[in-house]
Amino acid sequence: MTRNKKTILFGIATAVVLIVVLNSFVDRIPPRPLTNVVMNMSKRRILRYAAKHDDLPKRLSQTEAISGHHSSLKDGWGRDIDYAVSSNGTVTLTSLGKDKEVGGTKENADMIGVFQTKKANGKWEDESAEWAIDPFAPYRERNIIEPGGGEERR
């Protein structure tokens, strides 16, 4: 092998090693915190849509991304967030966790976020509205379902 070919191979090998080493320093958001971010941004997007159109979106994909913020509508495992609206306008956002099965613990635990879309006076909530059930709360606190909710899948 010529000296020139050896130099090129050494350069390629060095580049590959450098990429692998540098990649190990890149921060990655774990799936559960990423899902929490997606749910929080989805809540903001839904409430912005409602204020603009005086109605809730039929699907999350109808909402507009917020410039400068995370725009995915997929959970930390790459699946769509489930979006449901009850007859009283309460929105429920759900991720079934890593295993995509109801229930579970740790990475398999469901993440469920619930929020009201309207204030007592009938006006739309601001996008910073509080969660009635926080999606990042422990699983045991998320088994509460409001009476008369009669959820309708969208």
C-alpha atoms as a PDB file:
ATOM      1  CA  MET A   1       0.000   0.000   0.000  1.00  0.00           C
ATOM      2  CA  THR A   2       1.329   3.406  -0.888  1.00  0.00           C
ATOM      3  CA  ARG A   3       2.046   6.096   1.620  1.00  0.00           C
ATOM      4  CA  ASN A   4      -0.770   8.273   0.209  1.00  0.00           C
ATOM      5  CA  LYS A   5      -3.383   5.482   0.670  1.00  0.00           C
ATOM      6  CA  LYS A   6      -2.170   4.871   4.236  1.00  0.00           C
ATOM      7  CA  THR A   7      -2.564   8.561   5.036  1.00  0.00           C
ATOM      8  CA  ILE A   8      -6.114   8.603   3.632  1.00  0.00           C
ATOM      9  CA  LEU A   9      -7.103   5.462   5.579  1.00  0.00           C
ATOM     10  CA  PHE A  10      -5.585   6.884   8.759  1.00  0.00           C
ATOM     11  CA  GLY A  11      -7.525  10.123   8.238  1.00  0.00           C
ATOM     12  CA  ILE A  12     -10.819   8.237   7.721  1.00  0.00           C
ATOM     13  CA  ALA A  13     -10.227   6.033  10.787  1.00  0.00           C
ATOM     14  CA  THR A  14      -9.375   9.099  12.882  1.00  0.00           C
ATOM     15  CA  ALA A  15     -12.544  10.874  11.703  1.00  0.00           C
ATOM     16  CA  VAL A  16     -14.721   7.854  12.579  1.00  0.00           C
ATOM     17  CA  VAL A  17     -13.199   7.575  16.065  1.00  0.00           C
ATOM     18  CA  LEU A  18     -13.589  11.325  16.598  1.00  0.00           C
ATOM     19  CA  ILE A  19     -17.283  11.204  15.567  1.00  0.00           C
ATOM     20  CA  VAL A  20     -17.970   8.296  17.938  1.00  0.00           C
ATOM     21  CA  VAL A  21     -16.189   9.992  20.838  1.00  0.00           C
ATOM     22  CA  LEU A  22     -17.844  13.380  20.289  1.00  0.00           C
ATOM     23  CA  ASN A  23     -21.267  11.746  19.903  1.00  0.00           C
ATOM     24  CA  SER A  24     -20.901  10.290  23.396  1.00  0.00           C
ATOM     25  CA  PHE A  25     -20.885  13.857  24.780  1.00  0.00           C
ATOM     26  CA  VAL A  26     -24.180  14.838  23.137  1.00  0.00           C
ATOM     27  CA  ASP A  27     -27.030  15.222  25.620  1.00  0.00           C
ATOM     28  CA  ARG A  28     -30.166  13.285  24.830  1.00  0.00           C
ATOM     29  CA  ILE A  29     -33.488  13.950  26.526  1.00  0.00           C
ATOM     30  CA  PRO A  30     -34.835  10.700  28.003  1.00  0.00           C
ATOM     31  CA  PRO A  31     -38.253   9.574  26.659  1.00  0.00           C
ATOM     32  CA  ARG A  32     -40.387  10.497  29.713  1.00  0.00           C
ATOM     33  CA  PRO A  33     -39.126  14.089  30.081  1.00  0.00           C
ATOM     34  CA  LEU A  34     -39.359  14.504  26.289  1.00  0.00           C
ATOM     35  CA  THR A  35     -42.979  13.300  26.411  1.00  0.00           C
ATOM     36  CA  ASN A  36     -43.654  15.839  29.155  1.00  0.00           C
ATOM     37  CA  VAL A  37     -42.283  18.607  26.905  1.00  0.00           C
ATOM     38  CA  VAL A  38     -44.433  17.402  23.987  1.00  0.00           C
ATOM     39  CA  MET A  39     -47.562  17.354  26.166  1.00  0.00           C
ATOM     40  CA  ASN A  40     -46.902  20.839  27.517  1.00  0.00           C
ATOM     41  CA  MET A  41     -46.345  22.226  24.023  1.00  0.00           C
ATOM     42  CA  SER A  42     -49.437  20.361  22.755  1.00  0.00           C
ATOM     43  CA  LYS A  43     -51.547  21.999  25.479  1.00  0.00           C
ATOM     44  CA  ARG A  44     -50.287  25.419  24.425  1.00  0.00           C
ATOM     45  CA  ARG A  45     -50.952  24.650  20.750  1.00  0.00           C
ATOM     46  CA  ILE A  46     -54.496  23.416  21.456  1.00  0.00           C
ATOM     47  CA  LEU A  47     -55.373  26.509  23.478  1.00  0.00           C
ATOM     48  CA  ARG A  48     -53.881  28.827  20.835  1.00  0.00           C
ATOM     49  CA  TYR A  49     -55.928  27.048  18.174  1.00  0.00           C
ATOM     50  CA  ALA A  50     -59.096  27.395  20.302  1.00  0.00           C
ATOM     51  CA  ALA A  51     -58.531  31.119  20.832  1.00  0.00           C
ATOM     52  CA  LYS A  52     -57.920  31.668  17.114  1.00  0.00           C
ATOM     53  CA  HIS A  53     -60.756  29.462  15.746  1.00  0.00           C
ATOM     54  CA  ASP A  54     -63.229  29.586  18.662  1.00  0.00           C
ATOM     55  CA  ASP A  55     -63.278  25.793  18.629  1.00  0.00           C
ATOM     56  CA  LEU A  56     -61.020  22.917  19.608  1.00  0.00           C
ATOM     57  CA  PRO A  57     -59.058  21.142  16.902  1.00  0.00           C
ATOM     58  CA  LYS A  58     -60.409  17.793  15.684  1.00  0.00           C
ATOM     59  CA  ARG A  59     -56.823  16.462  15.580  1.00  0.00           C
ATOM     60  CA  LEU A  60     -53.558  17.610  17.141  1.00  0.00           C
ATOM     61  CA  SER A  61     -52.086  17.867  13.650  1.00  0.00           C
ATOM     62  CA  GLN A  62     -54.404  20.857  13.010  1.00  0.00           C
ATOM     63  CA  THR A  63     -52.491  22.916  15.571  1.00  0.00           C
ATOM     64  CA  GLU A  64     -49.632  25.175  14.566  1.00  0.00           C
ATOM     65  CA  ALA A  65     -46.087  24.751  15.839  1.00  0.00           C
ATOM     66  CA  ILE A  66     -44.875  27.530  18.113  1.00  0.00           C
ATOM     67  CA  SER A  67     -41.785  29.164  16.662  1.00  0.00           C
ATOM     68  CA  GLY A  68     -38.620  28.532  18.647  1.00  0.00           C
ATOM     69  CA  HIS A  69     -40.121  25.640  20.630  1.00  0.00           C
ATOM     70  CA  HIS A  70     -40.227  21.861  20.331  1.00  0.00           C
ATOM     71  CA  SER A  71     -42.732  21.091  17.563  1.00  0.00           C
ATOM     72  CA  SER A  72     -43.134  17.305  17.551  1.00  0.00           C
ATOM     73  CA  LEU A  73     -46.501  15.760  18.399  1.00  0.00           C
ATOM     74  CA  LYS A  74     -44.902  12.389  19.122  1.00  0.00           C
ATOM     75  CA  ASP A  75     -44.015  11.044  22.548  1.00  0.00           C
ATOM     76  CA  GLY A  76     -40.494  10.122  23.602  1.00  0.00           C
ATOM     77  CA  TRP A  77     -40.931   6.679  22.005  1.00  0.00           C
ATOM     78  CA  GLY A  78     -41.884   8.110  18.603  1.00  0.00           C
ATOM     79  CA  ARG A  79     -45.644   7.499  18.792  1.00  0.00           C
ATOM     80  CA  ASP A  80     -48.471  10.001  18.408  1.00  0.00           C
ATOM     81  CA  ILE A  81     -49.863  11.521  21.584  1.00  0.00           C
ATOM     82  CA  ASP A  82     -53.500  10.428  22.025  1.00  0.00           C
ATOM     83  CA  TYR A  83     -55.869  13.409  22.107  1.00  0.00           C
ATOM     84  CA  ALA A  84     -59.399  13.192  23.552  1.00  0.00           C
ATOM     85  CA  VAL A  85     -61.985  15.837  24.397  1.00  0.00           C
ATOM     86  CA  SER A  86     -64.830  15.219  26.848  1.00  0.00           C
ATOM     87  CA  SER A  87     -68.328  16.605  26.371  1.00  0.00           C
ATOM     88  CA  ASN A  88     -67.523  19.373  28.884  1.00  0.00           C
ATOM     89  CA  GLY A  89     -64.428  20.486  26.920  1.00  0.00           C
ATOM     90  CA  THR A  90     -61.823  18.831  29.124  1.00  0.00           C
ATOM     91  CA  VAL A  91     -58.809  17.693  27.083  1.00  0.00           C
ATOM     92  CA  THR A  92     -56.882  14.529  27.884  1.00  0.00           C
ATOM     93  CA  LEU A  93     -53.454  13.886  26.356  1.00  0.00           C
ATOM     94  CA  THR A  94     -52.099  10.361  26.755  1.00  0.00           C
ATOM     95  CA  SER A  95     -48.883   8.463  26.094  1.00  0.00           C
ATOM     96  CA  LEU A  96     -48.954   4.770  26.973  1.00  0.00           C
ATOM     97  CA  GLY A  97     -45.226   4.708  27.682  1.00  0.00           C
ATOM     98  CA  LYS A  98     -42.554   2.517  26.205  1.00  0.00           C
ATOM     99  CA  ASP A  99     -44.676  -0.643  25.984  1.00  0.00           C
ATOM    100  CA  LYS A 100     -47.781   1.102  24.513  1.00  0.00           C
ATOM    101  CA  GLU A 101     -49.921  -0.861  26.983  1.00  0.00           C
ATOM    102  CA  VAL A 102     -52.329   0.593  29.534  1.00  0.00           C
ATOM    103  CA  GLY A 103     -50.725   0.829  32.980  1.00  0.00           C
ATOM    104  CA  GLY A 104     -47.178  -0.222  33.689  1.00  0.00           C
ATOM    105  CA  THR A 105     -44.334   1.056  35.807  1.00  0.00           C
ATOM    106  CA  LYS A 106     -41.170   3.041  35.173  1.00  0.00           C
ATOM    107  CA  GLU A 107     -40.663   3.544  31.407  1.00  0.00           C
ATOM    108  CA  ASN A 108     -43.872   1.587  30.691  1.00  0.00           C
ATOM    109  CA  ALA A 109     -46.066   3.802  32.913  1.00  0.00           C
ATOM    110  CA  ASP A 110     -48.723   5.843  31.157  1.00  0.00           C
ATOM    111  CA  MET A 111     -48.408   9.619  31.074  1.00  0.00           C
ATOM    112  CA  ILE A 112     -51.790  11.338  31.173  1.00  0.00           C
ATOM    113  CA  GLY A 113     -52.327  15.084  31.170  1.00  0.00           C
ATOM    114  CA  VAL A 114     -55.758  16.663  31.648  1.00  0.00           C
ATOM    115  CA  PHE A 115     -56.713  20.335  31.377  1.00  0.00           C
ATOM    116  CA  GLN A 116     -59.791  22.518  31.100  1.00  0.00           C
ATOM    117  CA  THR A 117     -60.151  24.506  27.894  1.00  0.00           C
ATOM    118  CA  LYS A 118     -62.614  27.099  29.173  1.00  0.00           C
ATOM    119  CA  LYS A 119     -62.789  29.338  32.213  1.00  0.00           C
ATOM    120  CA  ALA A 120     -65.871  29.556  34.450  1.00  0.00           C
ATOM    121  CA  ASN A 121     -67.012  32.602  32.418  1.00  0.00           C
ATOM    122  CA  GLY A 122     -66.984  30.544  29.186  1.00  0.00           C
ATOM    123  CA  LYS A 123     -63.880  32.171  27.690  1.00  0.00           C
ATOM    124  CA  TRP A 124     -60.992  30.060  26.440  1.00  0.00           C
ATOM    125  CA  GLU A 125     -58.209  29.354  28.911  1.00  0.00           C
ATOM    126  CA  ASP A 126     -54.870  31.026  28.313  1.00  0.00           C
ATOM    127  CA  GLU A 127     -52.180  28.724  26.903  1.00  0.00           C
ATOM    128  CA  SER A 128     -50.444  28.795  30.282  1.00  0.00           C
ATOM    129  CA  ALA A 129     -53.469  27.155  31.957  1.00  0.00           C
ATOM    130  CA  GLU A 130     -52.637  24.767  34.786  1.00  0.00           C
ATOM    131  CA  TRP A 131     -52.981  21.020  34.403  1.00  0.00           C
ATOM    132  CA  ALA A 132     -55.916  19.461  36.269  1.00  0.00           C
ATOM    133  CA  ILE A 133     -53.812  16.276  36.134  1.00  0.00           C
ATOM    134  CA  ASP A 134     -50.121  16.816  35.425  1.00  0.00           C
ATOM    135  CA  PRO A 135     -48.683  14.249  32.970  1.00  0.00           C
ATOM    136  CA  PHE A 136     -45.446  14.074  34.928  1.00  0.00           C
ATOM    137  CA  ALA A 137     -47.175  13.320  38.255  1.00  0.00           C
ATOM    138  CA  PRO A 138     -46.754   9.844  39.726  1.00  0.00           C
ATOM    139  CA  TYR A 139     -48.976   7.197  38.126  1.00  0.00           C
ATOM    140  CA  ARG A 140     -51.095   6.627  41.241  1.00  0.00           C
ATOM    141  CA  GLU A 141     -52.262  10.263  41.109  1.00  0.00           C
ATOM    142  CA  ARG A 142     -53.349   9.942  37.484  1.00  0.00           C
ATOM    143  CA  ASN A 143     -56.103   7.345  37.968  1.00  0.00           C
ATOM    144  CA  ILE A 144     -58.691  10.041  38.678  1.00  0.00           C
ATOM    145  CA  ILE A 145     -61.396  10.507  36.040  1.00  0.00           C
ATOM    146  CA  GLU A 146     -63.826  13.397  36.273  1.00  0.00           C
ATOM    147  CA  PRO A 147     -67.471  12.338  36.565  1.00  0.00           C
ATOM    148  CA  GLY A 148     -69.637  13.145  33.556  1.00  0.00           C
ATOM    149  CA  GLY A 149     -66.586  13.390  31.311  1.00  0.00           C
ATOM    150  CA  GLY A 150     -67.851  10.945  28.666  1.00  0.00           C
ATOM    151  CA  GLU A 151     -64.693  11.207  26.582  1.00  0.00           C
ATOM    152  CA  GLU A 152     -64.929  11.380  22.843  1.00  0.00           C
ATOM    153  CA  ARG A 153     -61.822  10.347  20.859  1.00  0.00           C
ATOM    154  CA  ARG A 154     -60.732  12.768  18.170  1.00  0.00           C
END
